[in-house]
PDB file of N, CA and C in Angstrom:
ATOM      1  N   MET A   1      -2.081   3.687  -5.903  1.00  0.00           N
ATOM      2  CA  MET A   1      -1.901   4.418  -5.079  1.00  0.00           C
ATOM      3  C   MET A   1      -0.379   3.939  -4.056  1.00  0.00           C
ATOM      4  N   LEU A   2      -1.017   2.320  -3.493  1.00  0.00           N
ATOM      5  CA  LEU A   2      -0.163   2.232  -3.039  1.00  0.00           C
ATOM      6  C   LEU A   2       1.371   1.600  -4.435  1.00  0.00           C
ATOM      7  N   SER A   3       1.007   1.772  -5.425  1.00  0.00           N
ATOM      8  CA  SER A   3       2.462   1.320  -5.964  1.00  0.00           C
ATOM      9  C   SER A   3       3.187   2.677  -6.244  1.00  0.00           C
ATOM     10  N   GLY A   4       2.386   3.649  -6.080  1.00  0.00           N
ATOM     11  CA  GLY A   4       3.670   5.365  -5.998  1.00  0.00           C
ATOM     12  C   GLY A   4       4.090   5.255  -5.174  1.00  0.00           C
ATOM     13  N   HIS A   5       3.015   4.906  -3.302  1.00  0.00           N
ATOM     14  CA  HIS A   5       4.432   5.116  -2.136  1.00  0.00           C
ATOM     15  C   HIS A   5       5.008   4.044  -2.334  1.00  0.00           C
ATOM     16  N   LEU A   6       5.172   2.609  -2.606  1.00  0.00           N
ATOM     17  CA  LEU A   6       6.064   2.346  -2.764  1.00  0.00           C
ATOM     18  C   LEU A   6       7.288   2.135  -3.421  1.00  0.00           C
ATOM     19  N   GLY A   7       7.035   2.696  -5.081  1.00  0.00           N
ATOM     20  CA  GLY A   7       7.691   2.794  -6.091  1.00  0.00           C
ATOM     21  C   GLY A   7       7.427   1.535  -7.072  1.00  0.00           C
ATOM     22  N   THR A   8       6.802   1.653  -8.165  1.00  0.00           N
ATOM     23  CA  THR A   8       6.472   0.049  -9.472  1.00  0.00           C
ATOM     24  C   THR A   8       7.225  -0.731  -9.176  1.00  0.00           C
ATOM     25  N   GLN A   9       8.536  -0.620  -9.414  1.00  0.00           N
ATOM     26  CA  GLN A   9       9.157  -1.644  -8.709  1.00  0.00           C
ATOM     27  C   GLN A   9       8.784  -2.553  -7.805  1.00  0.00           C
ATOM     28  N   THR A  10       8.848  -2.030  -6.697  1.00  0.00           N
ATOM     29  CA  THR A  10       9.468  -2.796  -5.482  1.00  0.00           C
ATOM     30  C   THR A  10       7.720  -3.287  -5.368  1.00  0.00           C
ATOM     31  N   PHE A  11       6.676  -2.604  -5.448  1.00  0.00           N
ATOM     32  CA  PHE A  11       5.457  -2.742  -5.765  1.00  0.00           C
ATOM     33  C   PHE A  11       5.327  -4.231  -6.810  1.00  0.00           C
ATOM     34  N   LEU A  12       5.248  -4.216  -7.570  1.00  0.00           N
ATOM     35  CA  LEU A  12       5.316  -5.469  -8.452  1.00  0.00           C
ATOM     36  C   LEU A  12       6.010  -6.583  -8.229  1.00  0.00           C
ATOM     37  N   ASP A  13       7.338  -6.197  -7.314  1.00  0.00           N
ATOM     38  CA  ASP A  13       7.930  -7.237  -7.093  1.00  0.00           C
ATOM     39  C   ASP A  13       7.455  -7.988  -5.695  1.00  0.00           C
ATOM     40  N   GLY A  14       6.810  -7.050  -4.636  1.00  0.00           N
ATOM     41  CA  GLY A  14       5.477  -7.767  -3.682  1.00  0.00           C
ATOM     42  C   GLY A  14       5.342  -8.537  -4.190  1.00  0.00           C
ATOM     43  N   VAL A  15       4.245  -8.177  -5.617  1.00  0.00           N
ATOM     44  CA  VAL A  15       2.916  -9.114  -5.705  1.00  0.00           C
ATOM     45  C   VAL A  15       3.303 -10.075  -6.439  1.00  0.00           C
ATOM     46  N   ALA A  16       4.439 -10.276  -7.091  1.00  0.00           N
ATOM     47  CA  ALA A  16       5.003 -11.125  -7.594  1.00  0.00           C
ATOM     48  C   ALA A  16       5.473 -12.616  -6.626  1.00  0.00           C
ATOM     49  N   ALA A  17       5.956 -12.072  -5.617  1.00  0.00           N
ATOM     50  CA  ALA A  17       6.419 -13.167  -4.456  1.00  0.00           C
ATOM     51  C   ALA A  17       4.909 -13.234  -3.514  1.00  0.00           C
ATOM     52  N   TYR A  18       4.114 -12.344  -3.654  1.00  0.00           N
ATOM     53  CA  TYR A  18       2.651 -12.512  -3.035  1.00  0.00           C
ATOM     54  C   TYR A  18       1.909 -13.964  -3.875  1.00  0.00           C
ATOM     55  N   LEU A  19       2.051 -13.838  -5.256  1.00  0.00           N
ATOM     56  CA  LEU A  19       1.416 -14.616  -6.133  1.00  0.00           C
ATOM     57  C   LEU A  19       2.202 -15.733  -6.186  1.00  0.00           C
ATOM     58  N   LYS A  20       3.528 -16.186  -6.225  1.00  0.00           N
ATOM     59  CA  LYS A  20       3.872 -17.373  -6.227  1.00  0.00           C
ATOM     60  C   LYS A  20       4.099 -17.786  -5.156  1.00  0.00           C
ATOM     61  N   SER A  21       4.203 -17.186  -3.920  1.00  0.00           N
ATOM     62  CA  SER A  21       3.619 -17.923  -3.130  1.00  0.00           C
ATOM     63  C   SER A  21       2.654 -18.829  -2.793  1.00  0.00           C
ATOM     64  N   HIS A  22       1.306 -17.911  -3.222  1.00  0.00           N
ATOM     65  CA  HIS A  22       0.006 -18.552  -3.039  1.00  0.00           C
ATOM     66  C   HIS A  22      -0.016 -19.519  -4.231  1.00  0.00           C
ATOM     67  N   ALA A  23       0.350 -19.413  -5.073  1.00  0.00           N
ATOM     68  CA  ALA A  23      -0.272 -20.052  -6.004  1.00  0.00           C
ATOM     69  C   ALA A  23      -0.752 -21.385  -5.898  1.00  0.00           C
ATOM     70  N   TYR A  24      -2.040 -21.553  -6.381  1.00  0.00           N
ATOM     71  CA  TYR A  24      -2.863 -22.422  -6.345  1.00  0.00           C
ATOM     72  C   TYR A  24      -2.956 -22.529  -4.855  1.00  0.00           C
ATOM     73  N   GLY A  25      -3.265 -21.923  -4.004  1.00  0.00           N
ATOM     74  CA  GLY A  25      -3.699 -21.600  -2.799  1.00  0.00           C
ATOM     75  C   GLY A  25      -4.651 -20.715  -2.398  1.00  0.00           C
ATOM     76  N   ASN A  26      -5.542 -20.377  -0.955  1.00  0.00           N
ATOM     77  CA  ASN A  26      -6.015 -19.315  -0.304  1.00  0.00           C
ATOM     78  C   ASN A  26      -4.919 -18.869   0.332  1.00  0.00           C
ATOM     79  N   ALA A  27      -5.497 -17.121  -0.020  1.00  0.00           N
ATOM     80  CA  ALA A  27      -4.368 -16.206   0.657  1.00  0.00           C
ATOM     81  C   ALA A  27      -5.425 -15.054   0.832  1.00  0.00           C
ATOM     82  N   THR A  28      -5.516 -14.232   2.275  1.00  0.00           N
ATOM     83  CA  THR A  28      -6.031 -13.199   2.562  1.00  0.00           C
ATOM     84  C   THR A  28      -5.220 -12.198   2.389  1.00  0.00           C
ATOM     85  N   THR A  29      -6.040 -10.855   2.339  1.00  0.00           N
ATOM     86  CA  THR A  29      -5.010  -9.745   2.088  1.00  0.00           C
ATOM     87  C   THR A  29      -4.099  -9.220   3.068  1.00  0.00           C
ATOM     88  N   ASN A  30      -3.660  -9.996   3.912  1.00  0.00           N
ATOM     89  CA  ASN A  30      -2.874  -9.696   5.130  1.00  0.00           C
ATOM     90  C   ASN A  30      -1.331 -10.788   4.334  1.00  0.00           C
ATOM     91  N   ASP A  31      -2.343 -11.411   3.862  1.00  0.00           N
ATOM     92  CA  ASP A  31      -0.708 -12.069   2.961  1.00  0.00           C
ATOM     93  C   ASP A  31      -0.345 -11.391   1.879  1.00  0.00           C
ATOM     94  N   LEU A  32      -1.186 -10.130   1.494  1.00  0.00           N
ATOM     95  CA  LEU A  32      -0.628  -9.192   0.340  1.00  0.00           C
ATOM     96  C   LEU A  32       0.518  -8.438   0.888  1.00  0.00           C
ATOM     97  N   TRP A  33      -0.119  -7.980   2.070  1.00  0.00           N
ATOM     98  CA  TRP A  33       0.189  -6.494   2.867  1.00  0.00           C
ATOM     99  C   TRP A  33       2.121  -7.427   3.588  1.00  0.00           C
ATOM    100  N   ALA A  34       1.765  -8.622   3.605  1.00  0.00           N
ATOM    101  CA  ALA A  34       3.004  -8.983   4.474  1.00  0.00           C
ATOM    102  C   ALA A  34       3.940  -9.675   3.249  1.00  0.00           C
ATOM    103  N   ALA A  35       3.691  -9.649   1.959  1.00  0.00           N
ATOM    104  CA  ALA A  35       4.773  -9.611   0.592  1.00  0.00           C
ATOM    105  C   ALA A  35       5.053  -8.358   0.165  1.00  0.00           C
ATOM    106  N   LEU A  36       4.252  -7.344   0.428  1.00  0.00           N
ATOM    107  CA  LEU A  36       4.696  -6.155  -0.234  1.00  0.00           C
ATOM    108  C   LEU A  36       5.258  -5.825   1.236  1.00  0.00           C
ATOM    109  N   SER A  37       5.439  -5.427   2.559  1.00  0.00           N
ATOM    110  CA  SER A  37       5.801  -5.308   3.794  1.00  0.00           C
ATOM    111  C   SER A  37       7.481  -5.875   3.126  1.00  0.00           C
ATOM    112  N   LYS A  38       7.533  -6.863   2.829  1.00  0.00           N
ATOM    113  CA  LYS A  38       8.926  -7.248   2.921  1.00  0.00           C
ATOM    114  C   LYS A  38       9.933  -7.123   1.872  1.00  0.00           C
ATOM    115  N   ALA A  39       8.884  -6.810   0.780  1.00  0.00           N
ATOM    116  CA  ALA A  39       9.497  -6.173  -0.912  1.00  0.00           C
ATOM    117  C   ALA A  39       9.991  -4.775  -0.233  1.00  0.00           C
ATOM    118  N   SER A  40       9.453  -3.985   0.527  1.00  0.00           N
ATOM    119  CA  SER A  40       9.560  -2.649   0.664  1.00  0.00           C
ATOM    120  C   SER A  40      10.304  -2.380   1.830  1.00  0.00           C
ATOM    121  N   GLY A  41      10.344  -3.240   3.222  1.00  0.00           N
ATOM    122  CA  GLY A  41      10.923  -3.228   4.017  1.00  0.00           C
ATOM    123  C   GLY A  41      10.133  -1.613   5.008  1.00  0.00           C
ATOM    124  N   LYS A  42       8.830  -1.688   4.743  1.00  0.00           N
ATOM    125  CA  LYS A  42       7.951  -0.993   5.303  1.00  0.00           C
ATOM    126  C   LYS A  42       6.743  -1.427   5.976  1.00  0.00           C
ATOM    127  N   ASN A  43       5.888  -1.300   6.649  1.00  0.00           N
ATOM    128  CA  ASN A  43       4.945  -2.005   7.434  1.00  0.00           C
ATOM    129  C   ASN A  43       3.416  -1.298   6.591  1.00  0.00           C
ATOM    130  N   ILE A  44       3.542  -1.936   5.661  1.00  0.00           N
ATOM    131  CA  ILE A  44       2.205  -2.134   4.712  1.00  0.00           C
ATOM    132  C   ILE A  44       0.853  -2.117   5.403  1.00  0.00           C
ATOM    133  N   THR A  45       1.144  -2.892   6.524  1.00  0.00           N
ATOM    134  CA  THR A  45      -0.085  -3.463   6.991  1.00  0.00           C
ATOM    135  C   THR A  45      -0.845  -2.361   7.839  1.00  0.00           C
ATOM    136  N   GLU A  46       0.099  -1.871   8.655  1.00  0.00           N
ATOM    137  CA  GLU A  46      -0.008  -0.360   9.718  1.00  0.00           C
ATOM    138  C   GLU A  46      -0.545   0.791   8.614  1.00  0.00           C
ATOM    139  N   PHE A  47       0.015   0.444   7.201  1.00  0.00           N
ATOM    140  CA  PHE A  47      -0.013   2.238   6.612  1.00  0.00           C
ATOM    141  C   PHE A  47      -1.958   2.020   6.051  1.00  0.00           C
ATOM    142  N   MET A  48      -1.516   0.552   5.427  1.00  0.00           N
ATOM    143  CA  MET A  48      -3.265   0.136   4.696  1.00  0.00           C
ATOM    144  C   MET A  48      -4.152   0.510   5.788  1.00  0.00           C
ATOM    145  N   VAL A  49      -4.351   0.041   7.197  1.00  0.00           N
ATOM    146  CA  VAL A  49      -5.412  -0.007   8.233  1.00  0.00           C
ATOM    147  C   VAL A  49      -4.917   1.616   8.516  1.00  0.00           C
ATOM    148  N   SER A  50      -4.500   2.331   8.517  1.00  0.00           N
ATOM    149  CA  SER A  50      -4.461   3.701   8.682  1.00  0.00           C
ATOM    150  C   SER A  50      -5.475   4.303   7.598  1.00  0.00           C
ATOM    151  N   ILE A  51      -5.237   3.860   6.472  1.00  0.00           N
ATOM    152  CA  ILE A  51      -5.934   4.623   5.230  1.00  0.00           C
ATOM    153  C   ILE A  51      -6.914   4.129   5.155  1.00  0.00           C
ATOM    154  N   PHE A  52      -7.444   2.746   5.776  1.00  0.00           N
ATOM    155  CA  PHE A  52      -8.718   2.098   5.486  1.00  0.00           C
ATOM    156  C   PHE A  52      -9.914   2.954   6.460  1.00  0.00           C
ATOM    157  N   GLN A  53      -9.305   3.108   7.684  1.00  0.00           N
ATOM    158  CA  GLN A  53      -9.472   4.027   8.869  1.00  0.00           C
ATOM    159  C   GLN A  53     -10.005   5.290   8.203  1.00  0.00           C
ATOM    160  N   ILE A  54      -9.346   5.618   7.261  1.00  0.00           N
ATOM    161  CA  ILE A  54      -9.477   7.384   7.064  1.00  0.00           C
ATOM    162  C   ILE A  54     -10.914   7.351   6.180  1.00  0.00           C
ATOM    163  N   ILE A  55     -10.476   6.537   4.864  1.00  0.00           N
ATOM    164  CA  ILE A  55     -11.658   6.021   3.788  1.00  0.00           C
ATOM    165  C   ILE A  55     -12.871   5.885   4.392  1.00  0.00           C
ATOM    166  N   LEU A  56     -12.894   4.791   5.387  1.00  0.00           N
ATOM    167  CA  LEU A  56     -14.110   3.712   5.283  1.00  0.00           C
ATOM    168  C   LEU A  56     -14.906   4.550   6.667  1.00  0.00           C
ATOM    169  N   LEU A  57     -13.770   4.692   7.773  1.00  0.00           N
ATOM    170  CA  LEU A  57     -14.007   4.766   8.642  1.00  0.00           C
ATOM    171  C   LEU A  57     -14.728   6.630   9.428  1.00  0.00           C
ATOM    172  N   GLY A  58     -13.877   7.244   8.732  1.00  0.00           N
ATOM    173  CA  GLY A  58     -13.628   8.745   8.928  1.00  0.00           C
ATOM    174  C   GLY A  58     -13.021   8.968  10.430  1.00  0.00           C
ATOM    175  N   ARG A  59     -11.917   7.988  10.648  1.00  0.00           N
ATOM    176  CA  ARG A  59     -11.428   8.334  12.172  1.00  0.00           C
ATOM    177  C   ARG A  59     -10.122   9.166  11.764  1.00  0.00           C
ATOM    178  N   LYS A  60     -10.028  10.204  11.411  1.00  0.00           N
ATOM    179  CA  LYS A  60      -8.592  11.081  11.278  1.00  0.00           C
ATOM    180  C   LYS A  60      -7.775  11.465  12.398  1.00  0.00           C
ATOM    181  N   SER A  61      -8.603  10.813  13.195  1.00  0.00           N
ATOM    182  CA  SER A  61      -7.714  11.784  14.834  1.00  0.00           C
ATOM    183  C   SER A  61      -7.003  10.000  15.391  1.00  0.00           C
ATOM    184  N   LEU A  62      -7.292   8.947  14.631  1.00  0.00           N
ATOM    185  CA  LEU A  62      -6.405   7.844  14.796  1.00  0.00           C
ATOM    186  C   LEU A  62      -4.945   7.468  14.816  1.00  0.00           C
ATOM    187  N   VAL A  63      -5.045   8.565  13.275  1.00  0.00           N
ATOM    188  CA  VAL A  63      -3.565   8.269  12.575  1.00  0.00           C
ATOM    189  C   VAL A  63      -2.921   9.943  12.424  1.00  0.00           C
ATOM    190  N   ASN A  64      -1.740   9.872  12.282  1.00  0.00           N
ATOM    191  CA  ASN A  64      -0.916  10.906  12.076  1.00  0.00           C
ATOM    192  C   ASN A  64      -1.358  11.240  10.376  1.00  0.00           C
ATOM    193  N   LEU A  65      -1.928  12.165  10.324  1.00  0.00           N
ATOM    194  CA  LEU A  65      -1.776  12.605   8.886  1.00  0.00           C
ATOM    195  C   LEU A  65      -0.892  12.781   8.025  1.00  0.00           C
ATOM    196  N   GLN A  66       0.406  13.246   8.780  1.00  0.00           N
ATOM    197  CA  GLN A  66       1.973  13.798   8.229  1.00  0.00           C
ATOM    198  C   GLN A  66       2.386  12.186   8.056  1.00  0.00           C
ATOM    199  N   ASP A  67       2.050  11.249   8.412  1.00  0.00           N
ATOM    200  CA  ASP A  67       2.602  10.103   8.042  1.00  0.00           C
ATOM    201  C   ASP A  67       2.147   9.065   6.994  1.00  0.00           C
ATOM    202  N   ILE A  68       1.242   9.231   6.521  1.00  0.00           N
ATOM    203  CA  ILE A  68       0.454   8.902   5.298  1.00  0.00           C
ATOM    204  C   ILE A  68      -0.068   9.965   4.034  1.00  0.00           C
ATOM    205  N   VAL A  69       0.921  11.206   4.330  1.00  0.00           N
ATOM    206  CA  VAL A  69       0.524  11.728   3.162  1.00  0.00           C
ATOM    207  C   VAL A  69       0.912  11.586   1.904  1.00  0.00           C
ATOM    208  N   ILE A  70       0.660  11.192   0.878  1.00  0.00           N
ATOM    209  CA  ILE A  70       1.104  10.359  -0.676  1.00  0.00           C
ATOM    210  C   ILE A  70       0.626  11.575  -1.579  1.00  0.00           C
ATOM    211  N   SER A  71       1.581  12.090  -2.581  1.00  0.00           N
ATOM    212  CA  SER A  71       1.475  13.039  -3.232  1.00  0.00           C
ATOM    213  C   SER A  71       2.401  12.053  -4.733  1.00  0.00           C
ATOM    214  N   GLU A  72       1.563  12.675  -5.947  1.00  0.00           N
ATOM    215  CA  GLU A  72       2.436  12.253  -7.194  1.00  0.00           C
ATOM    216  C   GLU A  72       1.954  13.561  -8.060  1.00  0.00           C
ATOM    217  N   ASP A  73       3.427  13.581  -8.509  1.00  0.00           N
ATOM    218  CA  ASP A  73       3.706  14.761  -9.761  1.00  0.00           C
ATOM    219  C   ASP A  73       2.570  14.220 -10.715  1.00  0.00           C
ATOM    220  N   VAL A  74       1.682  15.341 -10.680  1.00  0.00           N
ATOM    221  CA  VAL A  74       0.871  15.175 -12.113  1.00  0.00           C
ATOM    222  C   VAL A  74       0.478  16.345 -12.888  1.00  0.00           C
ATOM    223  N   GLU A  75       0.981  16.417 -13.758  1.00  0.00           N
ATOM    224  CA  GLU A  75       0.853  17.435 -14.780  1.00  0.00           C
ATOM    225  C   GLU A  75      -0.481  17.824 -15.284  1.00  0.00           C
ATOM    226  N   THR A  76      -0.728  19.388 -15.376  1.00  0.00           N
ATOM    227  CA  THR A  76      -2.269  19.391 -16.019  1.00  0.00           C
ATOM    228  C   THR A  76      -1.748  19.986 -17.160  1.00  0.00           C
ATOM    229  N   PRO A  77      -2.890  20.059 -17.907  1.00  0.00           N
ATOM    230  CA  PRO A  77      -2.607  20.726 -18.924  1.00  0.00           C
ATOM    231  C   PRO A  77      -2.599  21.797 -19.316  1.00  0.00           C
ATOM    232  N   SER A  78      -2.428  23.138 -20.433  1.00  0.00           N
ATOM    233  CA  SER A  78      -2.286  24.391 -20.410  1.00  0.00           C
ATOM    234  C   SER A  78      -3.216  24.728 -21.094  1.00  0.00           C
ATOM    235  N   SER A  79      -3.938  25.526 -20.416  1.00  0.00           N
ATOM    236  CA  SER A  79      -5.630  26.365 -21.332  1.00  0.00           C
ATOM    237  C   SER A  79      -4.752  27.626 -22.079  1.00  0.00           C
TER     238      SER A  79
END
C-alpha cells in the first residue's frame, strides 16, 4: 500500500536510507516514517496516523478521506 502511494523507487530509496541509518542499532516505526518522508517529500507520519485511525480505531471523522484515497489499477481476468 505505501509503496503504491509513494512509488516503488521512492519507497525503496526510503527503506534503504532507513536500513543504512539504523544498521546494527535500534529503530522505531517513527524512524521509518521519517526516512520515507525525507525520500518522498511527503508527511508519511501524518498519512500513516490517518490510516491507522481509520483501520484500527474506526475514527473516520478525524481525517479527510479525500486526502488519503489510494487507488491502484488492477486488471481483472475476463470471464
